Amino acid sequence: MASSPEIRRFQERDGADVIDLWTRVFGYGTAHNDPALVIERKMARQPELFFVAVIDQKVVGTVMGGYDGHRGWIYAMAVSPEVRGVGIASALLGHLETALRALGCLKINLQVREDNAGVVEFYRKQGYVVEPRISMGKVL
């Protein structure tokens, strides 16, 4: 694989690659995280904030964002293990930050599983800080 990815908006033809990537990286085990459902719902709401990194016509990374007029959010940042460490995640993150900034977003939030120290360190290097918050959720 080449090392410089093309960063672009998600396209329908990327679906199978994204589902494969997310399944390998996240191992989704709950219905609300079904990759096909996540893609379908994202395409119905702010599809302009769903980006992929492509090398040799293969999706090797993803990031989704959201913006509600108050805060931006980062979701589904994933890079294929075979191409990690060459700047793909940083490029995806920068692309999303630029898109959110263009919408008027002044602050971006994200959530990382507590046991994922490597990802926390990645975001720290990108200028993100751990904030004293309690994250809560409810599956409907």
N, C-alpha and C. Protein backbone atom coordinates (compact mmCIF):
# COMPACT_ATOMS: atom_id res chain seq x y z
N MET A 1 0.83 -1.19 0.00
CA MET A 1 0.00 0.00 0.00
C MET A 1 0.87 1.25 0.00
N ALA A 2 0.40 2.26 -0.71
CA ALA A 2 1.07 3.56 -0.69
C ALA A 2 0.89 4.17 0.70
N SER A 3 1.71 5.18 1.05
CA SER A 3 1.62 5.71 2.40
C SER A 3 0.84 7.02 2.50
N SER A 4 0.54 7.69 1.42
CA SER A 4 -0.20 8.95 1.49
C SER A 4 -1.66 8.71 1.15
N PRO A 5 -2.53 8.88 2.14
CA PRO A 5 -3.94 8.63 1.87
C PRO A 5 -4.63 9.82 1.23
N GLU A 6 -5.70 9.54 0.52
CA GLU A 6 -6.62 10.57 0.08
C GLU A 6 -7.68 10.67 1.19
N ILE A 7 -7.92 11.88 1.70
CA ILE A 7 -8.96 12.09 2.69
C ILE A 7 -10.15 12.72 1.94
N ARG A 8 -11.31 12.07 2.03
CA ARG A 8 -12.49 12.58 1.33
C ARG A 8 -13.74 12.17 2.09
N ARG A 9 -14.87 12.74 1.65
CA ARG A 9 -16.15 12.36 2.24
C ARG A 9 -16.47 10.91 1.93
N PHE A 10 -17.15 10.27 2.87
CA PHE A 10 -17.64 8.92 2.68
C PHE A 10 -18.56 8.89 1.46
N GLN A 11 -18.44 7.83 0.68
CA GLN A 11 -19.33 7.58 -0.47
C GLN A 11 -19.94 6.19 -0.30
N GLU A 12 -21.12 5.99 -0.84
CA GLU A 12 -21.81 4.71 -0.69
C GLU A 12 -20.93 3.52 -1.02
N ARG A 13 -20.10 3.66 -2.03
CA ARG A 13 -19.24 2.54 -2.43
C ARG A 13 -18.23 2.15 -1.35
N ASP A 14 -18.05 3.01 -0.33
CA ASP A 14 -17.11 2.74 0.75
C ASP A 14 -17.71 1.86 1.85
N GLY A 15 -19.02 1.61 1.77
CA GLY A 15 -19.72 0.95 2.86
C GLY A 15 -19.11 -0.36 3.33
N ALA A 16 -18.85 -1.28 2.41
CA ALA A 16 -18.31 -2.59 2.80
C ALA A 16 -16.94 -2.46 3.46
N ASP A 17 -16.09 -1.58 2.92
CA ASP A 17 -14.77 -1.37 3.52
C ASP A 17 -14.88 -0.79 4.92
N VAL A 18 -15.79 0.17 5.11
CA VAL A 18 -15.94 0.78 6.42
C VAL A 18 -16.48 -0.24 7.43
N ILE A 19 -17.47 -1.02 7.03
CA ILE A 19 -18.01 -2.05 7.92
C ILE A 19 -16.91 -3.03 8.31
N ASP A 20 -16.11 -3.45 7.36
CA ASP A 20 -15.00 -4.37 7.66
C ASP A 20 -14.00 -3.72 8.62
N LEU A 21 -13.63 -2.47 8.36
CA LEU A 21 -12.67 -1.78 9.22
C LEU A 21 -13.21 -1.64 10.63
N TRP A 22 -14.43 -1.14 10.77
CA TRP A 22 -15.00 -0.94 12.11
C TRP A 22 -15.15 -2.26 12.86
N THR A 23 -15.51 -3.31 12.15
CA THR A 23 -15.66 -4.61 12.80
C THR A 23 -14.32 -5.09 13.34
N ARG A 24 -13.26 -4.89 12.54
CA ARG A 24 -11.92 -5.32 12.99
C ARG A 24 -11.39 -4.44 14.12
N VAL A 25 -11.61 -3.13 14.02
CA VAL A 25 -11.04 -2.20 15.01
C VAL A 25 -11.88 -2.13 16.29
N PHE A 26 -13.19 -2.03 16.14
CA PHE A 26 -14.05 -1.83 17.30
C PHE A 26 -14.68 -3.12 17.83
N GLY A 27 -14.84 -4.13 16.99
CA GLY A 27 -15.44 -5.38 17.41
C GLY A 27 -16.87 -5.27 17.88
N TYR A 28 -17.59 -4.29 17.37
CA TYR A 28 -18.96 -4.01 17.79
C TYR A 28 -19.74 -5.23 18.23
N GLY A 29 -20.31 -5.16 19.44
CA GLY A 29 -21.08 -6.27 19.95
C GLY A 29 -22.50 -5.90 20.34
N THR A 30 -22.89 -4.64 20.17
CA THR A 30 -24.24 -4.23 20.56
C THR A 30 -25.01 -3.71 19.36
N ALA A 31 -26.32 -3.87 19.40
CA ALA A 31 -27.16 -3.53 18.25
C ALA A 31 -27.06 -2.06 17.87
N HIS A 32 -26.97 -1.15 18.85
CA HIS A 32 -26.94 0.28 18.51
C HIS A 32 -25.64 0.68 17.83
N ASN A 33 -24.64 -0.18 17.86
CA ASN A 33 -23.37 0.09 17.19
C ASN A 33 -23.20 -0.71 15.90
N ASP A 34 -24.27 -1.34 15.41
CA ASP A 34 -24.18 -2.08 14.16
C ASP A 34 -23.63 -1.16 13.07
N PRO A 35 -22.49 -1.49 12.46
CA PRO A 35 -21.86 -0.58 11.50
C PRO A 35 -22.77 -0.15 10.34
N ALA A 36 -23.56 -1.06 9.81
CA ALA A 36 -24.44 -0.68 8.70
C ALA A 36 -25.49 0.33 9.16
N LEU A 37 -26.01 0.15 10.36
CA LEU A 37 -26.99 1.09 10.90
C LEU A 37 -26.35 2.44 11.20
N VAL A 38 -25.14 2.43 11.74
CA VAL A 38 -24.44 3.68 12.02
C VAL A 38 -24.23 4.46 10.73
N ILE A 39 -23.80 3.78 9.67
CA ILE A 39 -23.59 4.44 8.38
C ILE A 39 -24.90 5.00 7.84
N GLU A 40 -25.94 4.20 7.88
CA GLU A 40 -27.25 4.64 7.38
C GLU A 40 -27.71 5.90 8.11
N ARG A 41 -27.57 5.90 9.42
CA ARG A 41 -28.02 7.06 10.20
C ARG A 41 -27.13 8.27 9.98
N LYS A 42 -25.85 8.06 9.82
CA LYS A 42 -24.96 9.20 9.56
C LYS A 42 -25.25 9.81 8.21
N MET A 43 -25.56 9.00 7.22
CA MET A 43 -25.85 9.52 5.89
C MET A 43 -27.16 10.33 5.88
N ALA A 44 -28.01 10.10 6.87
CA ALA A 44 -29.25 10.85 6.98
C ALA A 44 -29.08 12.15 7.77
N ARG A 45 -27.96 12.28 8.49
CA ARG A 45 -27.75 13.45 9.34
C ARG A 45 -26.28 13.86 9.28
N GLN A 46 -26.02 15.01 8.73
CA GLN A 46 -24.67 15.58 8.60
C GLN A 46 -23.68 14.64 7.90
N PRO A 47 -24.04 14.13 6.73
CA PRO A 47 -23.10 13.26 6.01
C PRO A 47 -21.82 14.00 5.61
N GLU A 48 -21.88 15.32 5.58
CA GLU A 48 -20.69 16.11 5.23
C GLU A 48 -19.61 16.05 6.30
N LEU A 49 -19.91 15.43 7.44
CA LEU A 49 -18.93 15.28 8.51
C LEU A 49 -18.50 13.81 8.69
N PHE A 50 -18.52 13.05 7.62
CA PHE A 50 -18.10 11.65 7.63
C PHE A 50 -17.01 11.51 6.58
N PHE A 51 -15.78 11.24 7.05
CA PHE A 51 -14.62 11.20 6.17
C PHE A 51 -13.94 9.84 6.20
N VAL A 52 -13.33 9.49 5.09
CA VAL A 52 -12.54 8.27 4.99
C VAL A 52 -11.15 8.61 4.47
N ALA A 53 -10.21 7.78 4.86
CA ALA A 53 -8.86 7.83 4.29
C ALA A 53 -8.75 6.63 3.37
N VAL A 54 -8.31 6.88 2.15
CA VAL A 54 -8.25 5.84 1.13
C VAL A 54 -6.83 5.74 0.59
N ILE A 55 -6.35 4.51 0.53
CA ILE A 55 -5.06 4.22 -0.10
C ILE A 55 -5.30 3.10 -1.10
N ASP A 56 -4.85 3.29 -2.32
CA ASP A 56 -5.02 2.28 -3.37
C ASP A 56 -6.47 1.81 -3.46
N GLN A 57 -7.40 2.75 -3.41
CA GLN A 57 -8.84 2.52 -3.54
C GLN A 57 -9.43 1.68 -2.42
N LYS A 58 -8.74 1.60 -1.29
CA LYS A 58 -9.21 0.83 -0.13
C LYS A 58 -9.31 1.77 1.06
N VAL A 59 -10.46 1.74 1.76
CA VAL A 59 -10.62 2.55 2.97
C VAL A 59 -9.73 1.99 4.07
N VAL A 60 -8.84 2.85 4.58
CA VAL A 60 -7.94 2.43 5.66
C VAL A 60 -8.16 3.24 6.94
N GLY A 61 -9.07 4.21 6.89
CA GLY A 61 -9.34 5.01 8.08
C GLY A 61 -10.67 5.73 7.95
N THR A 62 -11.26 6.07 9.10
CA THR A 62 -12.52 6.80 9.13
C THR A 62 -12.54 7.77 10.30
N VAL A 63 -13.35 8.78 10.16
CA VAL A 63 -13.72 9.64 11.28
C VAL A 63 -15.08 10.24 10.95
N MET A 64 -15.93 10.28 11.96
CA MET A 64 -17.23 10.93 11.82
C MET A 64 -17.27 12.06 12.84
N GLY A 65 -17.94 13.12 12.45
CA GLY A 65 -18.12 14.23 13.37
C GLY A 65 -19.58 14.60 13.47
N GLY A 66 -19.88 15.37 14.47
CA GLY A 66 -21.21 15.91 14.65
C GLY A 66 -21.10 17.32 15.19
N TYR A 67 -22.08 18.14 14.88
CA TYR A 67 -22.09 19.51 15.40
C TYR A 67 -23.53 19.92 15.62
N ASP A 68 -23.84 20.32 16.85
CA ASP A 68 -25.21 20.69 17.20
C ASP A 68 -25.38 22.20 17.37
N GLY A 69 -24.38 22.96 16.97
CA GLY A 69 -24.42 24.41 17.13
C GLY A 69 -23.78 24.87 18.42
N HIS A 70 -23.50 23.94 19.31
CA HIS A 70 -22.87 24.26 20.59
C HIS A 70 -21.50 23.59 20.71
N ARG A 71 -21.46 22.30 20.49
CA ARG A 71 -20.22 21.54 20.56
C ARG A 71 -20.09 20.65 19.34
N GLY A 72 -18.84 20.42 18.97
CA GLY A 72 -18.55 19.42 17.96
C GLY A 72 -18.19 18.12 18.66
N TRP A 73 -18.39 17.02 17.97
CA TRP A 73 -18.06 15.71 18.52
C TRP A 73 -17.28 14.90 17.49
N ILE A 74 -16.41 14.05 17.99
CA ILE A 74 -15.65 13.12 17.16
C ILE A 74 -16.14 11.71 17.47
N TYR A 75 -16.46 10.98 16.42
CA TYR A 75 -16.92 9.59 16.54
C TYR A 75 -16.19 8.73 15.52
N ALA A 76 -16.10 7.46 15.81
CA ALA A 76 -15.67 6.44 14.86
C ALA A 76 -14.33 6.74 14.19
N MET A 77 -13.36 7.23 14.98
CA MET A 77 -11.99 7.38 14.48
C MET A 77 -11.38 5.98 14.47
N ALA A 78 -11.04 5.51 13.30
CA ALA A 78 -10.47 4.17 13.17
C ALA A 78 -9.44 4.18 12.06
N VAL A 79 -8.33 3.50 12.30
CA VAL A 79 -7.30 3.31 11.27
C VAL A 79 -6.93 1.84 11.26
N SER A 80 -6.85 1.29 10.07
CA SER A 80 -6.48 -0.11 9.92
C SER A 80 -5.14 -0.38 10.59
N PRO A 81 -5.04 -1.45 11.39
CA PRO A 81 -3.79 -1.74 12.08
C PRO A 81 -2.58 -1.85 11.15
N GLU A 82 -2.80 -2.25 9.90
CA GLU A 82 -1.69 -2.43 8.96
C GLU A 82 -1.03 -1.12 8.54
N VAL A 83 -1.71 0.01 8.75
CA VAL A 83 -1.15 1.29 8.29
C VAL A 83 -1.07 2.33 9.41
N ARG A 84 -1.09 1.89 10.64
CA ARG A 84 -0.99 2.83 11.76
C ARG A 84 0.42 3.36 11.89
N GLY A 85 0.51 4.55 12.44
CA GLY A 85 1.82 5.14 12.71
C GLY A 85 2.40 5.97 11.58
N VAL A 86 1.62 6.22 10.53
CA VAL A 86 2.14 7.01 9.40
C VAL A 86 1.39 8.33 9.22
N GLY A 87 0.54 8.68 10.20
CA GLY A 87 -0.12 9.98 10.14
C GLY A 87 -1.54 9.99 9.61
N ILE A 88 -2.12 8.83 9.37
CA ILE A 88 -3.48 8.78 8.82
C ILE A 88 -4.49 9.33 9.82
N ALA A 89 -4.40 8.92 11.08
CA ALA A 89 -5.34 9.42 12.09
C ALA A 89 -5.20 10.93 12.25
N SER A 90 -3.99 11.43 12.26
CA SER A 90 -3.78 12.88 12.37
C SER A 90 -4.38 13.62 11.19
N ALA A 91 -4.23 13.06 9.99
CA ALA A 91 -4.79 13.69 8.80
C ALA A 91 -6.32 13.70 8.85
N LEU A 92 -6.91 12.58 9.25
CA LEU A 92 -8.36 12.51 9.38
C LEU A 92 -8.87 13.51 10.42
N LEU A 93 -8.21 13.55 11.56
CA LEU A 93 -8.61 14.46 12.63
C LEU A 93 -8.50 15.91 12.17
N GLY A 94 -7.42 16.26 11.51
CA GLY A 94 -7.25 17.62 11.01
C GLY A 94 -8.33 17.99 10.00
N HIS A 95 -8.70 17.04 9.16
CA HIS A 95 -9.74 17.27 8.16
C HIS A 95 -11.07 17.56 8.84
N LEU A 96 -11.40 16.75 9.85
CA LEU A 96 -12.65 16.95 10.58
C LEU A 96 -12.63 18.26 11.36
N GLU A 97 -11.53 18.58 12.01
CA GLU A 97 -11.43 19.84 12.75
C GLU A 97 -11.66 21.03 11.82
N THR A 98 -11.09 20.98 10.63
CA THR A 98 -11.26 22.06 9.66
C THR A 98 -12.74 22.19 9.27
N ALA A 99 -13.39 21.06 9.03
CA ALA A 99 -14.82 21.08 8.66
C ALA A 99 -15.67 21.63 9.80
N LEU A 100 -15.37 21.24 11.03
CA LEU A 100 -16.13 21.74 12.17
C LEU A 100 -15.89 23.24 12.38
N ARG A 101 -14.65 23.66 12.24
CA ARG A 101 -14.32 25.09 12.37
C ARG A 101 -15.09 25.90 11.33
N ALA A 102 -15.21 25.39 10.12
CA ALA A 102 -15.92 26.09 9.05
C ALA A 102 -17.41 26.25 9.38
N LEU A 103 -17.94 25.37 10.22
CA LEU A 103 -19.34 25.47 10.64
C LEU A 103 -19.53 26.41 11.83
N GLY A 104 -18.42 26.94 12.36
CA GLY A 104 -18.50 27.83 13.51
C GLY A 104 -18.26 27.15 14.84
N CYS A 105 -17.86 25.92 14.81
CA CYS A 105 -17.62 25.15 16.04
C CYS A 105 -16.41 25.73 16.79
N LEU A 106 -16.59 25.94 18.10
CA LEU A 106 -15.54 26.51 18.93
C LEU A 106 -14.90 25.49 19.88
N LYS A 107 -15.56 24.35 20.10
CA LYS A 107 -15.02 23.33 21.00
C LYS A 107 -15.44 21.96 20.51
N ILE A 108 -14.51 21.02 20.59
CA ILE A 108 -14.77 19.66 20.16
C ILE A 108 -14.63 18.72 21.36
N ASN A 109 -15.55 17.81 21.50
CA ASN A 109 -15.50 16.78 22.54
C ASN A 109 -15.35 15.41 21.89
N LEU A 110 -14.87 14.48 22.67
CA LEU A 110 -14.80 13.09 22.24
C LEU A 110 -14.78 12.22 23.47
N GLN A 111 -15.06 10.96 23.27
CA GLN A 111 -15.00 9.99 24.36
C GLN A 111 -14.06 8.87 23.96
N VAL A 112 -13.28 8.40 24.92
CA VAL A 112 -12.36 7.29 24.73
C VAL A 112 -12.59 6.32 25.88
N ARG A 113 -12.60 5.05 25.57
CA ARG A 113 -12.73 4.07 26.65
C ARG A 113 -11.56 4.23 27.62
N GLU A 114 -11.88 4.08 28.89
CA GLU A 114 -10.91 4.30 29.95
C GLU A 114 -9.65 3.44 29.80
N ASP A 115 -9.79 2.26 29.26
CA ASP A 115 -8.66 1.34 29.15
C ASP A 115 -7.86 1.52 27.86
N ASN A 116 -8.16 2.54 27.07
CA ASN A 116 -7.51 2.73 25.78
C ASN A 116 -6.44 3.83 25.87
N ALA A 117 -5.40 3.55 26.65
CA ALA A 117 -4.36 4.55 26.92
C ALA A 117 -3.65 5.03 25.66
N GLY A 118 -3.46 4.16 24.68
CA GLY A 118 -2.79 4.56 23.45
C GLY A 118 -3.57 5.62 22.69
N VAL A 119 -4.88 5.49 22.67
CA VAL A 119 -5.71 6.47 21.98
C VAL A 119 -5.73 7.78 22.76
N VAL A 120 -5.79 7.70 24.08
CA VAL A 120 -5.72 8.92 24.90
C VAL A 120 -4.43 9.67 24.60
N GLU A 121 -3.34 8.96 24.52
CA GLU A 121 -2.04 9.60 24.23
C GLU A 121 -2.04 10.22 22.84
N PHE A 122 -2.63 9.55 21.85
CA PHE A 122 -2.73 10.12 20.51
C PHE A 122 -3.43 11.47 20.56
N TYR A 123 -4.59 11.52 21.21
CA TYR A 123 -5.34 12.77 21.27
C TYR A 123 -4.60 13.85 22.06
N ARG A 124 -3.90 13.47 23.10
CA ARG A 124 -3.09 14.46 23.84
C ARG A 124 -2.06 15.11 22.91
N LYS A 125 -1.43 14.31 22.09
CA LYS A 125 -0.44 14.84 21.15
C LYS A 125 -1.08 15.77 20.13
N GLN A 126 -2.39 15.64 19.92
CA GLN A 126 -3.11 16.49 18.98
C GLN A 126 -3.66 17.74 19.65
N GLY A 127 -3.38 17.92 20.95
CA GLY A 127 -3.81 19.12 21.67
C GLY A 127 -5.06 18.94 22.51
N TYR A 128 -5.60 17.75 22.59
CA TYR A 128 -6.77 17.50 23.42
C TYR A 128 -6.33 17.22 24.85
N VAL A 129 -7.20 17.56 25.80
CA VAL A 129 -6.89 17.33 27.21
C VAL A 129 -8.02 16.54 27.85
N VAL A 130 -7.66 15.77 28.87
CA VAL A 130 -8.67 15.06 29.64
C VAL A 130 -9.36 16.08 30.53
N GLU A 131 -10.68 16.13 30.44
CA GLU A 131 -11.47 17.07 31.23
C GLU A 131 -12.15 16.33 32.37
N PRO A 132 -12.30 16.98 33.52
CA PRO A 132 -12.97 16.32 34.65
C PRO A 132 -14.48 16.28 34.42
N ARG A 133 -14.94 15.24 33.80
CA ARG A 133 -16.35 15.07 33.48
C ARG A 133 -16.76 13.64 33.78
N ILE A 134 -17.99 13.41 33.96
CA ILE A 134 -18.53 12.07 34.05
C ILE A 134 -19.34 11.85 32.78
N SER A 135 -19.00 10.84 32.04
CA SER A 135 -19.73 10.52 30.82
C SER A 135 -20.83 9.54 31.18
N MET A 136 -22.02 9.86 30.74
CA MET A 136 -23.17 8.99 31.02
C MET A 136 -23.86 8.64 29.71
N GLY A 137 -24.50 7.52 29.68
CA GLY A 137 -25.23 7.11 28.50
C GLY A 137 -26.41 6.22 28.87
N LYS A 138 -27.31 6.07 27.92
CA LYS A 138 -28.47 5.21 28.10
C LYS A 138 -28.85 4.64 26.74
N VAL A 139 -28.87 3.35 26.63
CA VAL A 139 -29.29 2.68 25.41
C VAL A 139 -30.81 2.65 25.40
N LEU A 140 -31.40 3.14 24.32
CA LEU A 140 -32.86 3.15 24.21
C LEU A 140 -33.38 1.94 23.47
